[in-house]
Every structure is written in C-alpha cells, then in structure tokens.
Amino acid sequence: MASLSSISVLALAIMMVLVAGARCSSTGKVGFALAKGSTPTNLIVAAKSFGGTSNDFSKMQVKGQGSDKWIDMSNAGSSGKGNSVWKAVSSAPLKAPLAIRYQTKQGTTVVNDDIIHSF
C-alpha cells in the first residue's frame, strides 16, 4: 500500500501538470504582420490569436533592436479578418528586428523577440 507521503507527491505532480496546461492553452499561438503603410517611425501591426479572437490582447508594446525602451501601441480596431490592428508612433526610427510584448486579457504577458525582421 502506498504511503500518505507518496500519494501527496503524486497528487501535487498531477495538479502542477493541470495548472501548467491551463496556462499554455490560454495564450495559444499568435502571429504578427506589418500592415501596409508601416514605416520605422509609424508602425502598424496586425496581430492574430490562432484559436482565440482578435479581442484577446489587452496591451501591446514594441521595441527596436538595440533599444531598451518599450513603446506603447494603441489598439486601432480589427481588420475584419480576425486580426486586431495595433499602432505605434516613435520619435526615432525603430531598427529591425523588432520585439513585441503583449498582455492577454487573462493577464499573461508574452515577449516575442526578433518577431518582425524588416520594414
């Protein structure tokens, strides 16, 4: 018969797997694409949450290569293709590759380094 200690360890391990799985499934896969008209100082990005909706993002920021400053992006609505459109205006040209950091409405923050390679 299994001891109380080994049963507790097994129960804890199962609970940890279930919690980790719930966190992974809530973020899903996300794709980013530059929208037509984007420039190094006026960035327009279409973000798509595969398995989610265009309303899954609550906050988005961008950072150029060599910079340590994140620039807030504003939600410019939906493209009508399941994408949400986000805009950022930078006082200095952003240098690719760009990193994007976003927060989901569930509160998860995700950083995608080198996600946009050129303008």
PDB file of N, CA and C in Angstrom:
ATOM      1  N   MET A   1       0.842  -1.177   0.000  1.00  0.00           N
ATOM      2  CA  MET A   1       0.000   0.000   0.000  1.00  0.00           C
ATOM      3  C   MET A   1       0.887   1.239   0.000  1.00  0.00           C
ATOM      4  N   ALA A   2       0.519   2.245  -0.805  1.00  0.00           N
ATOM      5  CA  ALA A   2       1.312   3.472  -0.920  1.00  0.00           C
ATOM      6  C   ALA A   2       1.183   4.293   0.349  1.00  0.00           C
ATOM      7  N   SER A   3       2.270   4.929   0.710  1.00  0.00           N
ATOM      8  CA  SER A   3       2.259   5.770   1.898  1.00  0.00           C
ATOM      9  C   SER A   3       1.540   7.081   1.596  1.00  0.00           C
ATOM     10  N   LEU A   4       1.124   7.760   2.652  1.00  0.00           N
ATOM     11  CA  LEU A   4       0.461   9.042   2.520  1.00  0.00           C
ATOM     12  C   LEU A   4       1.376  10.051   1.830  1.00  0.00           C
ATOM     13  N   SER A   5       2.685   9.983   2.100  1.00  0.00           N
ATOM     14  CA  SER A   5       3.643  10.900   1.505  1.00  0.00           C
ATOM     15  C   SER A   5       3.718  10.728  -0.006  1.00  0.00           C
ATOM     16  N   SER A   6       3.781   9.492  -0.502  1.00  0.00           N
ATOM     17  CA  SER A   6       3.880   9.271  -1.949  1.00  0.00           C
ATOM     18  C   SER A   6       2.579   9.650  -2.651  1.00  0.00           C
ATOM     19  N   ILE A   7       1.452   9.463  -2.018  1.00  0.00           N
ATOM     20  CA  ILE A   7       0.165   9.865  -2.591  1.00  0.00           C
ATOM     21  C   ILE A   7       0.101  11.388  -2.684  1.00  0.00           C
ATOM     22  N   SER A   8       0.584  12.082  -1.670  1.00  0.00           N
ATOM     23  CA  SER A   8       0.600  13.545  -1.678  1.00  0.00           C
ATOM     24  C   SER A   8       1.493  14.077  -2.787  1.00  0.00           C
ATOM     25  N   VAL A   9       2.662  13.464  -2.972  1.00  0.00           N
ATOM     26  CA  VAL A   9       3.584  13.889  -4.031  1.00  0.00           C
ATOM     27  C   VAL A   9       2.946  13.669  -5.399  1.00  0.00           C
ATOM     28  N   LEU A  10       2.289  12.518  -5.595  1.00  0.00           N
ATOM     29  CA  LEU A  10       1.628  12.228  -6.858  1.00  0.00           C
ATOM     30  C   LEU A  10       0.503  13.232  -7.124  1.00  0.00           C
ATOM     31  N   ALA A  11      -0.303  13.519  -6.127  1.00  0.00           N
ATOM     32  CA  ALA A  11      -1.399  14.479  -6.284  1.00  0.00           C
ATOM     33  C   ALA A  11      -0.861  15.866  -6.630  1.00  0.00           C
ATOM     34  N   LEU A  12       0.226  16.279  -5.996  1.00  0.00           N
ATOM     35  CA  LEU A  12       0.837  17.574  -6.269  1.00  0.00           C
ATOM     36  C   LEU A  12       1.371  17.618  -7.699  1.00  0.00           C
ATOM     37  N   ALA A  13       2.000  16.548  -8.157  1.00  0.00           N
ATOM     38  CA  ALA A  13       2.538  16.486  -9.522  1.00  0.00           C
ATOM     39  C   ALA A  13       1.409  16.592 -10.547  1.00  0.00           C
ATOM     40  N   ILE A  14       0.321  15.891 -10.328  1.00  0.00           N
ATOM     41  CA  ILE A  14      -0.827  15.945 -11.248  1.00  0.00           C
ATOM     42  C   ILE A  14      -1.410  17.350 -11.269  1.00  0.00           C
ATOM     43  N   MET A  15      -1.539  17.976 -10.112  1.00  0.00           N
ATOM     44  CA  MET A  15      -2.085  19.325 -10.038  1.00  0.00           C
ATOM     45  C   MET A  15      -1.188  20.319 -10.786  1.00  0.00           C
ATOM     46  N   MET A  16       0.136  20.173 -10.673  1.00  0.00           N
ATOM     47  CA  MET A  16       1.062  21.065 -11.362  1.00  0.00           C
ATOM     48  C   MET A  16       0.941  20.921 -12.879  1.00  0.00           C
ATOM     49  N   VAL A  17       0.771  19.711 -13.375  1.00  0.00           N
ATOM     50  CA  VAL A  17       0.602  19.486 -14.810  1.00  0.00           C
ATOM     51  C   VAL A  17      -0.690  20.136 -15.289  1.00  0.00           C
ATOM     52  N   LEU A  18      -1.771  19.996 -14.554  1.00  0.00           N
ATOM     53  CA  LEU A  18      -3.043  20.595 -14.943  1.00  0.00           C
ATOM     54  C   LEU A  18      -2.960  22.111 -14.974  1.00  0.00           C
ATOM     55  N   VAL A  19      -2.308  22.719 -13.993  1.00  0.00           N
ATOM     56  CA  VAL A  19      -2.164  24.182 -13.956  1.00  0.00           C
ATOM     57  C   VAL A  19      -1.291  24.641 -15.106  1.00  0.00           C
ATOM     58  N   ALA A  20      -0.183  23.979 -15.380  1.00  0.00           N
ATOM     59  CA  ALA A  20       0.703  24.354 -16.484  1.00  0.00           C
ATOM     60  C   ALA A  20      -0.033  24.234 -17.811  1.00  0.00           C
ATOM     61  N   GLY A  21      -0.821  23.195 -17.997  1.00  0.00           N
ATOM     62  CA  GLY A  21      -1.588  23.028 -19.226  1.00  0.00           C
ATOM     63  C   GLY A  21      -2.615  24.123 -19.411  1.00  0.00           C
ATOM     64  N   ALA A  22      -3.258  24.549 -18.336  1.00  0.00           N
ATOM     65  CA  ALA A  22      -4.247  25.622 -18.422  1.00  0.00           C
ATOM     66  C   ALA A  22      -3.577  26.934 -18.822  1.00  0.00           C
ATOM     67  N   ARG A  23      -2.406  27.209 -18.293  1.00  0.00           N
ATOM     68  CA  ARG A  23      -1.699  28.439 -18.652  1.00  0.00           C
ATOM     69  C   ARG A  23      -1.294  28.423 -20.119  1.00  0.00           C
ATOM     70  N   CYS A  24      -0.812  27.300 -20.619  1.00  0.00           N
ATOM     71  CA  CYS A  24      -0.382  27.222 -22.014  1.00  0.00           C
ATOM     72  C   CYS A  24      -1.563  27.363 -22.958  1.00  0.00           C
ATOM     73  N   SER A  25      -2.664  26.740 -22.656  1.00  0.00           N
ATOM     74  CA  SER A  25      -3.785  26.777 -23.582  1.00  0.00           C
ATOM     75  C   SER A  25      -4.458  28.139 -23.605  1.00  0.00           C
ATOM     76  N   SER A  26      -4.299  28.948 -22.575  1.00  0.00           N
ATOM     77  CA  SER A  26      -4.953  30.255 -22.567  1.00  0.00           C
ATOM     78  C   SER A  26      -4.234  31.245 -23.463  1.00  0.00           C
ATOM     79  N   THR A  27      -2.934  31.059 -23.730  1.00  0.00           N
ATOM     80  CA  THR A  27      -2.221  32.003 -24.569  1.00  0.00           C
ATOM     81  C   THR A  27      -2.307  31.637 -26.035  1.00  0.00           C
ATOM     82  N   GLY A  28      -2.342  30.384 -26.386  1.00  0.00           N
ATOM     83  CA  GLY A  28      -2.450  29.973 -27.771  1.00  0.00           C
ATOM     84  C   GLY A  28      -1.282  30.440 -28.615  1.00  0.00           C
ATOM     85  N   LYS A  29      -1.427  30.334 -29.927  1.00  0.00           N
ATOM     86  CA  LYS A  29      -0.394  30.789 -30.861  1.00  0.00           C
ATOM     87  C   LYS A  29      -0.798  32.152 -31.398  1.00  0.00           C
ATOM     88  N   VAL A  30       0.201  33.004 -31.588  1.00  0.00           N
ATOM     89  CA  VAL A  30      -0.045  34.364 -32.041  1.00  0.00           C
ATOM     90  C   VAL A  30       0.848  34.657 -33.230  1.00  0.00           C
ATOM     91  N   GLY A  31       0.307  35.330 -34.236  1.00  0.00           N
ATOM     92  CA  GLY A  31       1.078  35.743 -35.395  1.00  0.00           C
ATOM     93  C   GLY A  31       1.041  37.254 -35.542  1.00  0.00           C
ATOM     94  N   PHE A  32       2.126  37.825 -36.060  1.00  0.00           N
ATOM     95  CA  PHE A  32       2.219  39.264 -36.273  1.00  0.00           C
ATOM     96  C   PHE A  32       2.629  39.533 -37.707  1.00  0.00           C
ATOM     97  N   ALA A  33       2.098  40.601 -38.288  1.00  0.00           N
ATOM     98  CA  ALA A  33       2.478  41.007 -39.640  1.00  0.00           C
ATOM     99  C   ALA A  33       2.418  42.521 -39.733  1.00  0.00           C
ATOM    100  N   LEU A  34       3.391  43.098 -40.438  1.00  0.00           N
ATOM    101  CA  LEU A  34       3.348  44.532 -40.688  1.00  0.00           C
ATOM    102  C   LEU A  34       2.219  44.829 -41.665  1.00  0.00           C
ATOM    103  N   ALA A  35       1.471  45.875 -41.366  1.00  0.00           N
ATOM    104  CA  ALA A  35       0.402  46.286 -42.272  1.00  0.00           C
ATOM    105  C   ALA A  35       0.959  47.276 -43.293  1.00  0.00           C
ATOM    106  N   LYS A  36       0.290  47.363 -44.423  1.00  0.00           N
ATOM    107  CA  LYS A  36       0.687  48.282 -45.481  1.00  0.00           C
ATOM    108  C   LYS A  36       0.726  49.703 -44.918  1.00  0.00           C
ATOM    109  N   GLY A  37       1.767  50.433 -45.273  1.00  0.00           N
ATOM    110  CA  GLY A  37       1.915  51.807 -44.805  1.00  0.00           C
ATOM    111  C   GLY A  37       2.808  51.955 -43.588  1.00  0.00           C
ATOM    112  N   SER A  38       3.277  50.850 -43.038  1.00  0.00           N
ATOM    113  CA  SER A  38       4.172  50.914 -41.877  1.00  0.00           C
ATOM    114  C   SER A  38       5.515  51.519 -42.269  1.00  0.00           C
ATOM    115  N   THR A  39       6.059  52.320 -41.372  1.00  0.00           N
ATOM    116  CA  THR A  39       7.390  52.891 -41.547  1.00  0.00           C
ATOM    117  C   THR A  39       8.149  52.698 -40.240  1.00  0.00           C
ATOM    118  N   PRO A  40       9.454  52.951 -40.216  1.00  0.00           N
ATOM    119  CA  PRO A  40      10.212  52.807 -38.970  1.00  0.00           C
ATOM    120  C   PRO A  40       9.770  53.760 -37.845  1.00  0.00           C
ATOM    121  N   THR A  41       9.006  54.813 -38.170  1.00  0.00           N
ATOM    122  CA  THR A  41       8.513  55.716 -37.125  1.00  0.00           C
ATOM    123  C   THR A  41       7.003  55.623 -36.914  1.00  0.00           C
ATOM    124  N   ASN A  42       6.298  54.990 -37.834  1.00  0.00           N
ATOM    125  CA  ASN A  42       4.848  54.840 -37.732  1.00  0.00           C
ATOM    126  C   ASN A  42       4.502  53.386 -38.027  1.00  0.00           C
ATOM    127  N   LEU A  43       4.495  52.591 -36.981  1.00  0.00           N
ATOM    128  CA  LEU A  43       4.344  51.142 -37.107  1.00  0.00           C
ATOM    129  C   LEU A  43       2.878  50.747 -37.024  1.00  0.00           C
ATOM    130  N   ILE A  44       2.446  49.890 -37.939  1.00  0.00           N
ATOM    131  CA  ILE A  44       1.091  49.348 -37.929  1.00  0.00           C
ATOM    132  C   ILE A  44       1.228  47.828 -38.010  1.00  0.00           C
ATOM    133  N   VAL A  45       0.719  47.129 -37.002  1.00  0.00           N
ATOM    134  CA  VAL A  45       0.888  45.678 -36.897  1.00  0.00           C
ATOM    135  C   VAL A  45      -0.473  45.005 -36.795  1.00  0.00           C
ATOM    136  N   ALA A  46      -0.653  43.956 -37.582  1.00  0.00           N
ATOM    137  CA  ALA A  46      -1.828  43.103 -37.457  1.00  0.00           C
ATOM    138  C   ALA A  46      -1.431  41.916 -36.587  1.00  0.00           C
ATOM    139  N   ALA A  47      -2.184  41.682 -35.521  1.00  0.00           N
ATOM    140  CA  ALA A  47      -1.911  40.578 -34.600  1.00  0.00           C
ATOM    141  C   ALA A  47      -3.081  39.607 -34.649  1.00  0.00           C
ATOM    142  N   LYS A  48      -2.758  38.329 -34.757  1.00  0.00           N
ATOM    143  CA  LYS A  48      -3.806  37.308 -34.819  1.00  0.00           C
ATOM    144  C   LYS A  48      -3.548  36.259 -33.753  1.00  0.00           C
ATOM    145  N   SER A  49      -4.578  35.967 -32.990  1.00  0.00           N
ATOM    146  CA  SER A  49      -4.519  34.920 -31.985  1.00  0.00           C
ATOM    147  C   SER A  49      -5.193  33.681 -32.571  1.00  0.00           C
ATOM    148  N   PHE A  50      -4.386  32.692 -32.968  1.00  0.00           N
ATOM    149  CA  PHE A  50      -4.929  31.459 -33.535  1.00  0.00           C
ATOM    150  C   PHE A  50      -5.554  30.649 -32.402  1.00  0.00           C
ATOM    151  N   GLY A  51      -6.795  30.296 -32.566  1.00  0.00           N
ATOM    152  CA  GLY A  51      -7.506  29.580 -31.519  1.00  0.00           C
ATOM    153  C   GLY A  51      -8.159  30.534 -30.530  1.00  0.00           C
ATOM    154  N   GLY A  52      -8.021  31.827 -30.771  1.00  0.00           N
ATOM    155  CA  GLY A  52      -8.631  32.835 -29.920  1.00  0.00           C
ATOM    156  C   GLY A  52      -9.392  33.821 -30.783  1.00  0.00           C
ATOM    157  N   THR A  53      -9.498  35.056 -30.307  1.00  0.00           N
ATOM    158  CA  THR A  53     -10.183  36.092 -31.072  1.00  0.00           C
ATOM    159  C   THR A  53      -9.286  37.314 -31.166  1.00  0.00           C
ATOM    160  N   SER A  54      -9.694  38.262 -32.003  1.00  0.00           N
ATOM    161  CA  SER A  54      -8.917  39.486 -32.151  1.00  0.00           C
ATOM    162  C   SER A  54      -8.987  40.347 -30.896  1.00  0.00           C
ATOM    163  N   ASN A  55      -9.864  40.011 -29.972  1.00  0.00           N
ATOM    164  CA  ASN A  55     -10.017  40.776 -28.730  1.00  0.00           C
ATOM    165  C   ASN A  55      -9.222  40.188 -27.578  1.00  0.00           C
ATOM    166  N   ASP A  56      -8.330  39.222 -27.841  1.00  0.00           N
ATOM    167  CA  ASP A  56      -7.585  38.557 -26.777  1.00  0.00           C
ATOM    168  C   ASP A  56      -6.494  39.432 -26.152  1.00  0.00           C
ATOM    169  N   PHE A  57      -6.067  40.497 -26.841  1.00  0.00           N
ATOM    170  CA  PHE A  57      -4.959  41.317 -26.369  1.00  0.00           C
ATOM    171  C   PHE A  57      -5.473  42.525 -25.590  1.00  0.00           C
ATOM    172  N   SER A  58      -4.876  42.791 -24.432  1.00  0.00           N
ATOM    173  CA  SER A  58      -5.276  43.969 -23.670  1.00  0.00           C
ATOM    174  C   SER A  58      -4.231  45.077 -23.736  1.00  0.00           C
ATOM    175  N   LYS A  59      -2.984  44.716 -24.074  1.00  0.00           N
ATOM    176  CA  LYS A  59      -1.910  45.697 -24.141  1.00  0.00           C
ATOM    177  C   LYS A  59      -0.847  45.166 -25.086  1.00  0.00           C
ATOM    178  N   MET A  60      -0.229  46.076 -25.867  1.00  0.00           N
ATOM    179  CA  MET A  60       0.842  45.667 -26.758  1.00  0.00           C
ATOM    180  C   MET A  60       1.896  46.769 -26.799  1.00  0.00           C
ATOM    181  N   GLN A  61       3.173  46.354 -26.859  1.00  0.00           N
ATOM    182  CA  GLN A  61       4.296  47.277 -26.929  1.00  0.00           C
ATOM    183  C   GLN A  61       5.306  46.751 -27.939  1.00  0.00           C
ATOM    184  N   VAL A  62       6.149  47.659 -28.453  1.00  0.00           N
ATOM    185  CA  VAL A  62       7.173  47.287 -29.429  1.00  0.00           C
ATOM    186  C   VAL A  62       8.506  47.878 -28.991  1.00  0.00           C
ATOM    187  N   LYS A  63       9.592  47.200 -29.372  1.00  0.00           N
ATOM    188  CA  LYS A  63      10.941  47.670 -29.060  1.00  0.00           C
ATOM    189  C   LYS A  63      11.838  47.352 -30.247  1.00  0.00           C
ATOM    190  N   GLY A  64      12.646  48.326 -30.670  1.00  0.00           N
ATOM    191  CA  GLY A  64      13.572  48.122 -31.775  1.00  0.00           C
ATOM    192  C   GLY A  64      14.869  47.493 -31.301  1.00  0.00           C
ATOM    193  N   GLN A  65      15.618  46.947 -32.263  1.00  0.00           N
ATOM    194  CA  GLN A  65      16.908  46.327 -31.945  1.00  0.00           C
ATOM    195  C   GLN A  65      17.839  47.369 -31.330  1.00  0.00           C
ATOM    196  N   GLY A  66      18.542  46.970 -30.276  1.00  0.00           N
ATOM    197  CA  GLY A  66      19.498  47.838 -29.613  1.00  0.00           C
ATOM    198  C   GLY A  66      18.879  48.807 -28.623  1.00  0.00           C
ATOM    199  N   SER A  67      17.579  48.812 -28.509  1.00  0.00           N
ATOM    200  CA  SER A  67      16.892  49.715 -27.577  1.00  0.00           C
ATOM    201  C   SER A  67      16.473  48.947 -26.331  1.00  0.00           C
ATOM    202  N   ASP A  68      16.388  49.657 -25.222  1.00  0.00           N
ATOM    203  CA  ASP A  68      15.851  49.040 -24.012  1.00  0.00           C
ATOM    204  C   ASP A  68      14.506  49.670 -23.634  1.00  0.00           C
ATOM    205  N   LYS A  69      13.981  50.520 -24.522  1.00  0.00           N
ATOM    206  CA  LYS A  69      12.728  51.227 -24.257  1.00  0.00           C
ATOM    207  C   LYS A  69      11.574  50.590 -25.032  1.00  0.00           C
ATOM    208  N   TRP A  70      10.533  50.198 -24.296  1.00  0.00           N
ATOM    209  CA  TRP A  70       9.315  49.674 -24.911  1.00  0.00           C
ATOM    210  C   TRP A  70       8.403  50.841 -25.249  1.00  0.00           C
ATOM    211  N   ILE A  71       7.813  50.834 -26.441  1.00  0.00           N
ATOM    212  CA  ILE A  71       6.898  51.881 -26.890  1.00  0.00           C
ATOM    213  C   ILE A  71       5.485  51.310 -26.877  1.00  0.00           C
ATOM    214  N   ASP A  72       4.584  52.006 -26.196  1.00  0.00           N
ATOM    215  CA  ASP A  72       3.195  51.565 -26.140  1.00  0.00           C
ATOM    216  C   ASP A  72       2.551  51.640 -27.515  1.00  0.00           C
ATOM    217  N   MET A  73       1.722  50.664 -27.797  1.00  0.00           N
ATOM    218  CA  MET A  73       0.955  50.635 -29.034  1.00  0.00           C
ATOM    219  C   MET A  73      -0.509  50.853 -28.678  1.00  0.00           C
ATOM    220  N   SER A  74      -1.247  51.482 -29.579  1.00  0.00           N
ATOM    221  CA  SER A  74      -2.672  51.689 -29.341  1.00  0.00           C
ATOM    222  C   SER A  74      -3.470  50.738 -30.226  1.00  0.00           C
ATOM    223  N   ASN A  75      -4.573  50.265 -29.686  1.00  0.00           N
ATOM    224  CA  ASN A  75      -5.439  49.355 -30.424  1.00  0.00           C
ATOM    225  C   ASN A  75      -6.239  50.180 -31.426  1.00  0.00           C
ATOM    226  N   ALA A  76      -6.068  49.861 -32.709  1.00  0.00           N
ATOM    227  CA  ALA A  76      -6.745  50.603 -33.771  1.00  0.00           C
ATOM    228  C   ALA A  76      -7.926  49.824 -34.335  1.00  0.00           C
ATOM    229  N   GLY A  77      -8.369  48.806 -33.624  1.00  0.00           N
ATOM    230  CA  GLY A  77      -9.537  48.049 -34.052  1.00  0.00           C
ATOM    231  C   GLY A  77      -9.190  46.731 -34.709  1.00  0.00           C
ATOM    232  N   SER A  78     -10.065  46.289 -35.598  1.00  0.00           N
ATOM    233  CA  SER A  78      -9.922  44.992 -36.252  1.00  0.00           C
ATOM    234  C   SER A  78      -9.837  45.176 -37.755  1.00  0.00           C
ATOM    235  N   SER A  79      -9.107  44.287 -38.403  1.00  0.00           N
ATOM    236  CA  SER A  79      -9.009  44.337 -39.863  1.00  0.00           C
ATOM    237  C   SER A  79     -10.169  43.608 -40.529  1.00  0.00           C
ATOM    238  N   GLY A  80     -11.010  42.975 -39.726  1.00  0.00           N
ATOM    239  CA  GLY A  80     -12.136  42.229 -40.275  1.00  0.00           C
ATOM    240  C   GLY A  80     -11.777  40.807 -40.676  1.00  0.00           C
ATOM    241  N   LYS A  81     -10.528  40.410 -40.508  1.00  0.00           N
ATOM    242  CA  LYS A  81     -10.080  39.063 -40.865  1.00  0.00           C
ATOM    243  C   LYS A  81      -9.654  38.295 -39.622  1.00  0.00           C
ATOM    244  N   GLY A  82     -10.193  38.674 -38.475  1.00  0.00           N
ATOM    245  CA  GLY A  82      -9.812  38.027 -37.234  1.00  0.00           C
ATOM    246  C   GLY A  82      -8.542  38.610 -36.625  1.00  0.00           C
ATOM    247  N   ASN A  83      -8.016  39.664 -37.229  1.00  0.00           N
ATOM    248  CA  ASN A  83      -6.809  40.317 -36.724  1.00  0.00           C
ATOM    249  C   ASN A  83      -7.184  41.571 -35.944  1.00  0.00           C
ATOM    250  N   SER A  84      -6.415  41.853 -34.915  1.00  0.00           N
ATOM    251  CA  SER A  84      -6.525  43.161 -34.288  1.00  0.00           C
ATOM    252  C   SER A  84      -5.367  43.994 -34.823  1.00  0.00           C
ATOM    253  N   VAL A  85      -5.603  45.282 -35.006  1.00  0.00           N
ATOM    254  CA  VAL A  85      -4.601  46.179 -35.560  1.00  0.00           C
ATOM    255  C   VAL A  85      -4.102  47.085 -34.449  1.00  0.00           C
ATOM    256  N   TRP A  86      -2.763  47.175 -34.338  1.00  0.00           N
ATOM    257  CA  TRP A  86      -2.121  47.974 -33.300  1.00  0.00           C
ATOM    258  C   TRP A  86      -1.159  48.953 -33.952  1.00  0.00           C
ATOM    259  N   LYS A  87      -1.118  50.181 -33.422  1.00  0.00           N
ATOM    260  CA  LYS A  87      -0.264  51.229 -33.988  1.00  0.00           C
ATOM    261  C   LYS A  87       0.675  51.776 -32.923  1.00  0.00           C
ATOM    262  N   ALA A  88       1.882  52.152 -33.387  1.00  0.00           N
ATOM    263  CA  ALA A  88       2.856  52.809 -32.521  1.00  0.00           C
ATOM    264  C   ALA A  88       3.522  53.929 -33.312  1.00  0.00           C
ATOM    265  N   VAL A  89       3.730  55.055 -32.642  1.00  0.00           N
ATOM    266  CA  VAL A  89       4.445  56.170 -33.241  1.00  0.00           C
ATOM    267  C   VAL A  89       5.704  56.371 -32.416  1.00  0.00           C
ATOM    268  N   SER A  90       6.844  56.381 -33.103  1.00  0.00           N
ATOM    269  CA  SER A  90       8.131  56.526 -32.430  1.00  0.00           C
ATOM    270  C   SER A  90       8.783  57.835 -32.869  1.00  0.00           C
ATOM    271  N   SER A  91       9.382  58.547 -31.914  1.00  0.00           N
ATOM    272  CA  SER A  91      10.061  59.797 -32.243  1.00  0.00           C
ATOM    273  C   SER A  91      11.352  59.545 -33.021  1.00  0.00           C
ATOM    274  N   ALA A  92      11.942  58.378 -32.854  1.00  0.00           N
ATOM    275  CA  ALA A  92      13.145  57.987 -33.593  1.00  0.00           C
ATOM    276  C   ALA A  92      12.825  56.713 -34.375  1.00  0.00           C
ATOM    277  N   PRO A  93      13.434  56.530 -35.545  1.00  0.00           N
ATOM    278  CA  PRO A  93      13.159  55.314 -36.326  1.00  0.00           C
ATOM    279  C   PRO A  93      13.500  54.048 -35.550  1.00  0.00           C
ATOM    280  N   LEU A  94      12.591  53.084 -35.591  1.00  0.00           N
ATOM    281  CA  LEU A  94      12.834  51.783 -34.974  1.00  0.00           C
ATOM    282  C   LEU A  94      13.711  50.963 -35.900  1.00  0.00           C
ATOM    283  N   LYS A  95      14.647  50.243 -35.318  1.00  0.00           N
ATOM    284  CA  LYS A  95      15.554  49.412 -36.100  1.00  0.00           C
ATOM    285  C   LYS A  95      15.133  47.947 -35.965  1.00  0.00           C
ATOM    286  N   ALA A  96      14.930  47.291 -37.115  1.00  0.00           N
ATOM    287  CA  ALA A  96      14.560  45.870 -37.113  1.00  0.00           C
ATOM    288  C   ALA A  96      15.794  45.031 -36.801  1.00  0.00           C
ATOM    289  N   PRO A  97      15.602  43.848 -36.244  1.00  0.00           N
ATOM    290  CA  PRO A  97      14.327  43.195 -35.953  1.00  0.00           C
ATOM    291  C   PRO A  97      13.668  43.778 -34.702  1.00  0.00           C
ATOM    292  N   LEU A  98      12.345  43.753 -34.727  1.00  0.00           N
ATOM    293  CA  LEU A  98      11.549  44.309 -33.636  1.00  0.00           C
ATOM    294  C   LEU A  98      11.089  43.215 -32.681  1.00  0.00           C
ATOM    295  N   ALA A  99      10.972  43.587 -31.421  1.00  0.00           N
ATOM    296  CA  ALA A  99      10.391  42.710 -30.403  1.00  0.00           C
ATOM    297  C   ALA A  99       9.002  43.243 -30.076  1.00  0.00           C
ATOM    298  N   ILE A 100       8.082  42.342 -29.819  1.00  0.00           N
ATOM    299  CA  ILE A 100       6.735  42.737 -29.405  1.00  0.00           C
ATOM    300  C   ILE A 100       6.418  42.061 -28.086  1.00  0.00           C
ATOM    301  N   ARG A 101       5.908  42.869 -27.167  1.00  0.00           N
ATOM    302  CA  ARG A 101       5.458  42.360 -25.863  1.00  0.00           C
ATOM    303  C   ARG A 101       3.964  42.655 -25.779  1.00  0.00           C
ATOM    304  N   TYR A 102       3.191  41.616 -25.434  1.00  0.00           N
ATOM    305  CA  TYR A 102       1.755  41.829 -25.299  1.00  0.00           C
ATOM    306  C   TYR A 102       1.238  41.183 -24.029  1.00  0.00           C
ATOM    307  N   GLN A 103       0.094  41.675 -23.618  1.00  0.00           N
ATOM    308  CA  GLN A 103      -0.592  41.114 -22.450  1.00  0.00           C
ATOM    309  C   GLN A 103      -1.971  40.659 -22.900  1.00  0.00           C
ATOM    310  N   THR A 104      -2.343  39.455 -22.479  1.00  0.00           N
ATOM    311  CA  THR A 104      -3.669  38.940 -22.799  1.00  0.00           C
ATOM    312  C   THR A 104      -4.668  39.464 -21.781  1.00  0.00           C
ATOM    313  N   LYS A 105      -5.935  39.344 -22.107  1.00  0.00           N
ATOM    314  CA  LYS A 105      -6.980  39.774 -21.174  1.00  0.00           C
ATOM    315  C   LYS A 105      -7.016  38.896 -19.932  1.00  0.00           C
ATOM    316  N   GLN A 106      -6.375  37.697 -20.008  1.00  0.00           N
ATOM    317  CA  GLN A 106      -6.284  36.823 -18.835  1.00  0.00           C
ATOM    318  C   GLN A 106      -5.124  37.240 -17.930  1.00  0.00           C
ATOM    319  N   GLY A 107      -4.301  38.210 -18.380  1.00  0.00           N
ATOM    320  CA  GLY A 107      -3.211  38.712 -17.550  1.00  0.00           C
ATOM    321  C   GLY A 107      -1.840  38.124 -17.860  1.00  0.00           C
ATOM    322  N   THR A 108      -1.731  37.269 -18.863  1.00  0.00           N
ATOM    323  CA  THR A 108      -0.452  36.680 -19.229  1.00  0.00           C
ATOM    324  C   THR A 108       0.336  37.663 -20.086  1.00  0.00           C
ATOM    325  N   THR A 109       1.615  37.876 -19.745  1.00  0.00           N
ATOM    326  CA  THR A 109       2.491  38.731 -20.544  1.00  0.00           C
ATOM    327  C   THR A 109       3.461  37.855 -21.321  1.00  0.00           C
ATOM    328  N   VAL A 110       3.575  38.125 -22.623  1.00  0.00           N
ATOM    329  CA  VAL A 110       4.424  37.340 -23.510  1.00  0.00           C
ATOM    330  C   VAL A 110       5.339  38.284 -24.278  1.00  0.00           C
ATOM    331  N   VAL A 111       6.622  37.927 -24.375  1.00  0.00           N
ATOM    332  CA  VAL A 111       7.581  38.705 -25.158  1.00  0.00           C
ATOM    333  C   VAL A 111       8.027  37.856 -26.343  1.00  0.00           C
ATOM    334  N   ASN A 112       7.942  38.433 -27.531  1.00  0.00           N
ATOM    335  CA  ASN A 112       8.405  37.791 -28.766  1.00  0.00           C
ATOM    336  C   ASN A 112       9.573  38.610 -29.296  1.00  0.00           C
ATOM    337  N   ASP A 113      10.797  38.127 -29.096  1.00  0.00           N
ATOM    338  CA  ASP A 113      11.983  38.814 -29.587  1.00  0.00           C
ATOM    339  C   ASP A 113      12.153  38.549 -31.070  1.00  0.00           C
ATOM    340  N   ASP A 114      12.689  39.524 -31.779  1.00  0.00           N
ATOM    341  CA  ASP A 114      13.018  39.386 -33.206  1.00  0.00           C
ATOM    342  C   ASP A 114      11.849  38.826 -34.017  1.00  0.00           C
ATOM    343  N   ILE A 115      10.652  39.351 -33.793  1.00  0.00           N
ATOM    344  CA  ILE A 115       9.459  38.808 -34.433  1.00  0.00           C
ATOM    345  C   ILE A 115       9.163  39.469 -35.776  1.00  0.00           C
ATOM    346  N   ILE A 116       9.572  40.728 -35.947  1.00  0.00           N
ATOM    347  CA  ILE A 116       9.401  41.431 -37.228  1.00  0.00           C
ATOM    348  C   ILE A 116      10.799  41.773 -37.716  1.00  0.00           C
ATOM    349  N   HIS A 117      11.176  41.209 -38.871  1.00  0.00           N
ATOM    350  CA  HIS A 117      12.563  41.272 -39.320  1.00  0.00           C
ATOM    351  C   HIS A 117      12.897  42.458 -40.210  1.00  0.00           C
ATOM    352  N   SER A 118      11.920  43.046 -40.898  1.00  0.00           N
ATOM    353  CA  SER A 118      12.230  44.183 -41.764  1.00  0.00           C
ATOM    354  C   SER A 118      10.966  44.989 -42.032  1.00  0.00           C
ATOM    355  N   PHE A 119      11.170  46.192 -42.556  1.00  0.00           N
ATOM    356  CA  PHE A 119      10.047  47.069 -42.916  1.00  0.00           C
ATOM    357  C   PHE A 119       9.771  46.961 -44.396  1.00  0.00           C
TER     358      PHE A 119
END
